[in-house]
Amino acid sequence: MKEEYDKKLVESFPLLYTDRHTSMRSTAMCWGFSCNDGWFNILWDLSSKLEPLLQKFHSEYPDIESPPRASQVKEKFGGLRFYMTSASDEMYDLIEKAEGLSYKTCEDCGMPGKERGGGWIITHCDDCHEKKIMEASNKVINDHKNTFQKLAHDSPCLGCGCNPCDCSWGSEK
């Protein structure tokens, strides 16, 4: 997720994301929001519902050592995973709805999407899926092209055995 979106969530919902910059020894939130920008609105909506519940919890239990807070936010198997250190049933219900919505929302752009397989399960709209396919295809083509160029450069000339970069064997003058 973009740094600006990360910062906006953390600043707007300080109780929920209180561990965002805490050591990896105590939370996975140190890694930030491990999903793409398309789910920002889902996270914003969920966070705006959870933060007041956390405020209420803090006012009712001011002396509790470890209040509920986000412990990890990531993509897994094409869907949002939102983990809390602890939570009420109401909080878990909100999280479940947000996670369900992620399976219908493109992780890259936020438009309606669907789960797509092919090795790594992702949730994409048609446009973002096509873009990813083209990027992957171009990468494979370029990787193969670079490999063949290296092989041609490192291999002796088939005609005379010399360095192919210096050879004019077989070329018409």
Foldseek 3Di string as FASTA:
>chain_A
DDPVLQVVLCVVQVQQLVCCCPDPVVAPSVVPAAFAPLLSVLSVVLSVVVRVVQVVVCVVCVPDPDGKHWRYWHDALAWIDTDIPDDDPVSVVSRVVSRVVSQQAARHRNHGWHWDDDPRIHTHHPVVVVVVVVVVVVVVVVVVVVVVVVCLQPFADPPPRHRVVPDCPPPDD
